[in-house]
PDB file of N, CA and C in Angstrom:
ATOM      1  N   MET A   1     -91.505-200.304  67.680  1.00  0.00           N
ATOM      2  CA  MET A   1     -91.761-200.026  66.283  1.00  0.00           C
ATOM      3  C   MET A   1     -92.380-201.280  65.662  1.00  0.00           C
ATOM      4  N   PHE A   2     -93.365-201.045  64.826  1.00  0.00           N
ATOM      5  CA  PHE A   2     -94.026-202.161  64.163  1.00  0.00           C
ATOM      6  C   PHE A   2     -93.247-202.572  62.913  1.00  0.00           C
ATOM      7  N   GLU A   3     -93.417-203.799  62.534  1.00  0.00           N
ATOM      8  CA  GLU A   3     -92.714-204.341  61.359  1.00  0.00           C
ATOM      9  C   GLU A   3     -93.020-203.529  60.104  1.00  0.00           C
ATOM     10  N   LYS A   4     -94.275-203.083  59.948  1.00  0.00           N
ATOM     11  CA  LYS A   4     -94.661-202.348  58.740  1.00  0.00           C
ATOM     12  C   LYS A   4     -94.004-200.968  58.644  1.00  0.00           C
ATOM     13  N   HIS A   5     -93.466-200.452  59.740  1.00  0.00           N
ATOM     14  CA  HIS A   5     -92.850-199.125  59.726  1.00  0.00           C
ATOM     15  C   HIS A   5     -91.356-199.164  59.434  1.00  0.00           C
ATOM     16  N   LYS A   6     -90.750-200.326  59.453  1.00  0.00           N
ATOM     17  CA  LYS A   6     -89.299-200.420  59.286  1.00  0.00           C
ATOM     18  C   LYS A   6     -88.835-199.961  57.910  1.00  0.00           C
ATOM     19  N   ILE A   7     -89.574-200.290  56.880  1.00  0.00           N
ATOM     20  CA  ILE A   7     -89.174-199.879  55.531  1.00  0.00           C
ATOM     21  C   ILE A   7     -89.265-198.366  55.383  1.00  0.00           C
ATOM     22  N   LEU A   8     -90.309-197.764  55.915  1.00  0.00           N
ATOM     23  CA  LEU A   8     -90.456-196.314  55.854  1.00  0.00           C
ATOM     24  C   LEU A   8     -89.337-195.623  56.622  1.00  0.00           C
ATOM     25  N   LEU A   9     -89.006-196.133  57.792  1.00  0.00           N
ATOM     26  CA  LEU A   9     -87.920-195.559  58.572  1.00  0.00           C
ATOM     27  C   LEU A   9     -86.588-195.677  57.830  1.00  0.00           C
ATOM     28  N   SER A  10     -86.335-196.812  57.205  1.00  0.00           N
ATOM     29  CA  SER A  10     -85.086-196.974  56.470  1.00  0.00           C
ATOM     30  C   SER A  10     -85.031-196.031  55.266  1.00  0.00           C
ATOM     31  N   LEU A  11     -86.171-195.784  54.614  1.00  0.00           N
ATOM     32  CA  LEU A  11     -86.215-194.813  53.520  1.00  0.00           C
ATOM     33  C   LEU A  11     -85.873-193.418  54.026  1.00  0.00           C
ATOM     34  N   GLN A  12     -86.463-193.024  55.138  1.00  0.00           N
ATOM     35  CA  GLN A  12     -86.191-191.702  55.702  1.00  0.00           C
ATOM     36  C   GLN A  12     -84.728-191.541  56.085  1.00  0.00           C
ATOM     37  N   ILE A  13     -84.145-192.560  56.678  1.00  0.00           N
ATOM     38  CA  ILE A  13     -82.728-192.501  57.052  1.00  0.00           C
ATOM     39  C   ILE A  13     -81.858-192.381  55.809  1.00  0.00           C
ATOM     40  N   CYS A  14     -82.162-193.191  54.795  1.00  0.00           N
ATOM     41  CA  CYS A  14     -81.392-193.166  53.557  1.00  0.00           C
ATOM     42  C   CYS A  14     -81.472-191.799  52.881  1.00  0.00           C
ATOM     43  N   VAL A  15     -82.671-191.231  52.822  1.00  0.00           N
ATOM     44  CA  VAL A  15     -82.851-189.926  52.177  1.00  0.00           C
ATOM     45  C   VAL A  15     -82.096-188.847  52.938  1.00  0.00           C
ATOM     46  N   LYS A  16     -82.164-188.865  54.259  1.00  0.00           N
ATOM     47  CA  LYS A  16     -81.440-187.861  55.048  1.00  0.00           C
ATOM     48  C   LYS A  16     -79.933-187.982  54.842  1.00  0.00           C
ATOM     49  N   LEU A  17     -79.421-189.201  54.742  1.00  0.00           N
ATOM     50  CA  LEU A  17     -77.996-189.401  54.478  1.00  0.00           C
ATOM     51  C   LEU A  17     -77.616-188.863  53.099  1.00  0.00           C
ATOM     52  N   LYS A  18     -78.441-189.169  52.103  1.00  0.00           N
ATOM     53  CA  LYS A  18     -78.170-188.692  50.738  1.00  0.00           C
ATOM     54  C   LYS A  18     -78.280-187.170  50.657  1.00  0.00           C
ATOM     55  N   MET A  19     -79.176-186.575  51.420  1.00  0.00           N
ATOM     56  CA  MET A  19     -79.281-185.110  51.456  1.00  0.00           C
ATOM     57  C   MET A  19     -78.027-184.496  52.066  1.00  0.00           C
ATOM     58  N   SER A  20     -77.527-185.104  53.128  1.00  0.00           N
ATOM     59  CA  SER A  20     -76.324-184.570  53.767  1.00  0.00           C
ATOM     60  C   SER A  20     -75.103-184.716  52.867  1.00  0.00           C
ATOM     61  N   GLU A  21     -75.124-185.707  51.967  1.00  0.00           N
ATOM     62  CA  GLU A  21     -74.035-185.893  51.006  1.00  0.00           C
ATOM     63  C   GLU A  21     -74.229-185.047  49.749  1.00  0.00           C
ATOM     64  N   GLY A  22     -75.373-184.371  49.644  1.00  0.00           N
ATOM     65  CA  GLY A  22     -75.650-183.513  48.501  1.00  0.00           C
ATOM     66  C   GLY A  22     -76.172-184.256  47.280  1.00  0.00           C
ATOM     67  N   GLU A  23     -76.565-185.504  47.440  1.00  0.00           N
ATOM     68  CA  GLU A  23     -77.049-186.292  46.309  1.00  0.00           C
ATOM     69  C   GLU A  23     -78.548-186.127  46.066  1.00  0.00           C
ATOM     70  N   ILE A  24     -79.283-185.685  47.065  1.00  0.00           N
ATOM     71  CA  ILE A  24     -80.715-185.405  46.918  1.00  0.00           C
ATOM     72  C   ILE A  24     -80.947-183.960  47.334  1.00  0.00           C
ATOM     73  N   ASP A  25     -81.580-183.225  46.451  1.00  0.00           N
ATOM     74  CA  ASP A  25     -81.895-181.827  46.690  1.00  0.00           C
ATOM     75  C   ASP A  25     -83.213-181.726  47.472  1.00  0.00           C
ATOM     76  N   GLU A  26     -83.335-180.728  48.309  1.00  0.00           N
ATOM     77  CA  GLU A  26     -84.552-180.526  49.105  1.00  0.00           C
ATOM     78  C   GLU A  26     -85.773-180.327  48.204  1.00  0.00           C
ATOM     79  N   ASP A  27     -85.605-179.611  47.098  1.00  0.00           N
ATOM     80  CA  ASP A  27     -86.714-179.387  46.174  1.00  0.00           C
ATOM     81  C   ASP A  27     -87.146-180.692  45.501  1.00  0.00           C
ATOM     82  N   GLU A  28     -86.181-181.537  45.152  1.00  0.00           N
ATOM     83  CA  GLU A  28     -86.514-182.833  44.556  1.00  0.00           C
ATOM     84  C   GLU A  28     -87.290-183.700  45.534  1.00  0.00           C
ATOM     85  N   TRP A  29     -86.868-183.705  46.776  1.00  0.00           N
ATOM     86  CA  TRP A  29     -87.541-184.507  47.797  1.00  0.00           C
ATOM     87  C   TRP A  29     -88.959-183.987  48.025  1.00  0.00           C
ATOM     88  N   SER A  30     -89.098-182.685  48.068  1.00  0.00           N
ATOM     89  CA  SER A  30     -90.414-182.084  48.251  1.00  0.00           C
ATOM     90  C   SER A  30     -91.343-182.437  47.085  1.00  0.00           C
ATOM     91  N   PHE A  31     -90.806-182.400  45.866  1.00  0.00           N
ATOM     92  CA  PHE A  31     -91.609-182.764  44.697  1.00  0.00           C
ATOM     93  C   PHE A  31     -92.023-184.230  44.766  1.00  0.00           C
ATOM     94  N   PHE A  32     -91.105-185.087  45.184  1.00  0.00           N
ATOM     95  CA  PHE A  32     -91.399-186.515  45.311  1.00  0.00           C
ATOM     96  C   PHE A  32     -92.533-186.750  46.311  1.00  0.00           C
ATOM     97  N   LEU A  33     -92.522-186.013  47.409  1.00  0.00           N
ATOM     98  CA  LEU A  33     -93.537-186.198  48.444  1.00  0.00           C
ATOM     99  C   LEU A  33     -94.879-185.582  48.088  1.00  0.00           C
ATOM    100  N   ARG A  34     -94.848-184.388  47.516  1.00  0.00           N
ATOM    101  CA  ARG A  34     -96.088-183.629  47.340  1.00  0.00           C
ATOM    102  C   ARG A  34     -96.566-183.502  45.902  1.00  0.00           C
ATOM    103  N   GLY A  35     -95.692-183.704  44.936  1.00  0.00           N
ATOM    104  CA  GLY A  35     -96.054-183.502  43.540  1.00  0.00           C
ATOM    105  C   GLY A  35     -95.926-182.036  43.172  1.00  0.00           C
ATOM    106  N   GLY A  36     -96.251-181.724  41.938  1.00  0.00           N
ATOM    107  CA  GLY A  36     -96.141-180.352  41.451  1.00  0.00           C
ATOM    108  C   GLY A  36     -97.366-179.532  41.803  1.00  0.00           C
ATOM    109  N   LEU A  37     -97.145-178.262  41.978  1.00  0.00           N
ATOM    110  CA  LEU A  37     -98.241-177.345  42.289  1.00  0.00           C
ATOM    111  C   LEU A  37     -98.309-176.303  41.183  1.00  0.00           C
ATOM    112  N   VAL A  38     -99.403-176.290  40.460  1.00  0.00           N
ATOM    113  CA  VAL A  38     -99.588-175.350  39.355  1.00  0.00           C
ATOM    114  C   VAL A  38    -100.385-174.163  39.864  1.00  0.00           C
ATOM    115  N   MET A  39     -99.777-172.994  39.783  1.00  0.00           N
ATOM    116  CA  MET A  39    -100.460-171.782  40.235  1.00  0.00           C
ATOM    117  C   MET A  39    -101.238-171.113  39.097  1.00  0.00           C
ATOM    118  N   ASP A  40    -100.732-171.249  37.868  1.00  0.00           N
ATOM    119  CA  ASP A  40    -101.369-170.587  36.729  1.00  0.00           C
ATOM    120  C   ASP A  40    -101.395-171.553  35.547  1.00  0.00           C
ATOM    121  N   ARG A  41    -102.549-172.108  35.265  1.00  0.00           N
ATOM    122  CA  ARG A  41    -102.665-173.079  34.170  1.00  0.00           C
ATOM    123  C   ARG A  41    -102.702-172.416  32.800  1.00  0.00           C
ATOM    124  N   SER A  42    -102.799-171.089  32.747  1.00  0.00           N
ATOM    125  CA  SER A  42    -102.851-170.418  31.443  1.00  0.00           C
ATOM    126  C   SER A  42    -101.503-170.508  30.724  1.00  0.00           C
ATOM    127  N   THR A  43    -100.414-170.677  31.466  1.00  0.00           N
ATOM    128  CA  THR A  43     -99.089-170.802  30.847  1.00  0.00           C
ATOM    129  C   THR A  43     -98.683-172.261  30.650  1.00  0.00           C
ATOM    130  N   GLN A  44     -99.503-173.167  31.125  1.00  0.00           N
ATOM    131  CA  GLN A  44     -99.201-174.588  31.042  1.00  0.00           C
ATOM    132  C   GLN A  44     -99.498-175.109  29.628  1.00  0.00           C
ATOM    133  N   PRO A  45     -98.645-176.007  29.107  1.00  0.00           N
ATOM    134  CA  PRO A  45     -98.958-176.607  27.803  1.00  0.00           C
ATOM    135  C   PRO A  45    -100.302-177.349  27.854  1.00  0.00           C
ATOM    136  N   VAL A  46    -100.936-177.452  26.718  1.00  0.00           N
ATOM    137  CA  VAL A  46    -102.249-178.091  26.631  1.00  0.00           C
ATOM    138  C   VAL A  46    -102.118-179.587  26.923  1.00  0.00           C
ATOM    139  N   LYS A  47    -103.018-180.083  27.743  1.00  0.00           N
ATOM    140  CA  LYS A  47    -103.025-181.505  28.106  1.00  0.00           C
ATOM    141  C   LYS A  47    -103.417-182.338  26.894  1.00  0.00           C
ATOM    142  N   PRO A  48    -102.656-183.409  26.628  1.00  0.00           N
ATOM    143  CA  PRO A  48    -103.033-184.289  25.513  1.00  0.00           C
ATOM    144  C   PRO A  48    -104.414-184.905  25.743  1.00  0.00           C
ATOM    145  N   PRO A  49    -105.112-185.233  24.686  1.00  0.00           N
ATOM    146  CA  PRO A  49    -106.492-185.719  24.817  1.00  0.00           C
ATOM    147  C   PRO A  49    -106.607-187.210  25.161  1.00  0.00           C
ATOM    148  N   PHE A  50    -105.717-187.709  25.989  1.00  0.00           N
ATOM    149  CA  PHE A  50    -105.765-189.113  26.375  1.00  0.00           C
ATOM    150  C   PHE A  50    -106.448-189.241  27.733  1.00  0.00           C
ATOM    151  N   ASP A  51    -107.305-190.237  27.874  1.00  0.00           N
ATOM    152  CA  ASP A  51    -108.038-190.441  29.128  1.00  0.00           C
ATOM    153  C   ASP A  51    -107.138-190.876  30.270  1.00  0.00           C
ATOM    154  N   TRP A  52    -106.031-191.555  29.961  1.00  0.00           N
ATOM    155  CA  TRP A  52    -105.182-192.104  31.015  1.00  0.00           C
ATOM    156  C   TRP A  52    -104.287-191.055  31.663  1.00  0.00           C
ATOM    157  N   ILE A  53    -104.220-189.851  31.078  1.00  0.00           N
ATOM    158  CA  ILE A  53    -103.465-188.761  31.714  1.00  0.00           C
ATOM    159  C   ILE A  53    -104.464-187.872  32.448  1.00  0.00           C
ATOM    160  N   THR A  54    -104.445-187.951  33.759  1.00  0.00           N
ATOM    161  CA  THR A  54    -105.357-187.120  34.547  1.00  0.00           C
ATOM    162  C   THR A  54    -104.813-185.700  34.622  1.00  0.00           C
ATOM    163  N   THR A  55    -105.642-184.784  35.053  1.00  0.00           N
ATOM    164  CA  THR A  55    -105.213-183.396  35.207  1.00  0.00           C
ATOM    165  C   THR A  55    -104.095-183.297  36.239  1.00  0.00           C
ATOM    166  N   THR A  56    -104.213-184.046  37.324  1.00  0.00           N
ATOM    167  CA  THR A  56    -103.166-184.038  38.354  1.00  0.00           C
ATOM    168  C   THR A  56    -101.857-184.583  37.796  1.00  0.00           C
ATOM    169  N   ALA A  57    -101.934-185.658  37.031  1.00  0.00           N
ATOM    170  CA  ALA A  57    -100.726-186.225  36.428  1.00  0.00           C
ATOM    171  C   ALA A  57    -100.100-185.231  35.461  1.00  0.00           C
ATOM    172  N   TRP A  58    -100.924-184.543  34.678  1.00  0.00           N
ATOM    173  CA  TRP A  58    -100.401-183.559  33.730  1.00  0.00           C
ATOM    174  C   TRP A  58     -99.749-182.389  34.481  1.00  0.00           C
ATOM    175  N   ASP A  59    -100.354-181.966  35.575  1.00  0.00           N
ATOM    176  CA  ASP A  59     -99.747-180.915  36.399  1.00  0.00           C
ATOM    177  C   ASP A  59     -98.361-181.353  36.866  1.00  0.00           C
ATOM    178  N   ASN A  60     -98.255-182.593  37.345  1.00  0.00           N
ATOM    179  CA  ASN A  60     -96.970-183.092  37.826  1.00  0.00           C
ATOM    180  C   ASN A  60     -95.950-183.195  36.695  1.00  0.00           C
ATOM    181  N   ILE A  61     -96.380-183.633  35.526  1.00  0.00           N
ATOM    182  CA  ILE A  61     -95.465-183.749  34.394  1.00  0.00           C
ATOM    183  C   ILE A  61     -94.920-182.379  33.994  1.00  0.00           C
ATOM    184  N   THR A  62     -95.789-181.399  33.892  1.00  0.00           N
ATOM    185  CA  THR A  62     -95.334-180.067  33.471  1.00  0.00           C
ATOM    186  C   THR A  62     -94.485-179.387  34.547  1.00  0.00           C
ATOM    187  N   GLU A  63     -94.811-179.605  35.802  1.00  0.00           N
ATOM    188  CA  GLU A  63     -94.002-179.021  36.878  1.00  0.00           C
ATOM    189  C   GLU A  63     -92.651-179.712  37.004  1.00  0.00           C
ATOM    190  N   LEU A  64     -92.598-180.996  36.741  1.00  0.00           N
ATOM    191  CA  LEU A  64     -91.336-181.733  36.780  1.00  0.00           C
ATOM    192  C   LEU A  64     -90.401-181.222  35.691  1.00  0.00           C
ATOM    193  N   GLU A  65     -90.962-180.830  34.574  1.00  0.00           N
ATOM    194  CA  GLU A  65     -90.158-180.305  33.480  1.00  0.00           C
ATOM    195  C   GLU A  65     -89.425-179.029  33.885  1.00  0.00           C
ATOM    196  N   LYS A  66     -90.050-178.248  34.734  1.00  0.00           N
ATOM    197  CA  LYS A  66     -89.442-176.991  35.193  1.00  0.00           C
ATOM    198  C   LYS A  66     -88.290-177.293  36.118  1.00  0.00           C
TER     199      LYS A  66
END
């Protein structure tokens, strides 16, 4: 194993332990890894007119709220 992979491996071990203890939900972990997926933007709140909020970031914010 390379030195650069040790932190990632320790994160994976920690997350699996916390999942087995019920402290991390599978849906939360999936959201952390992949972000939110918006299937229908017509029901999504209107994105604020700020340049620093990208469409992807707004999708993640609104999906996290759910």
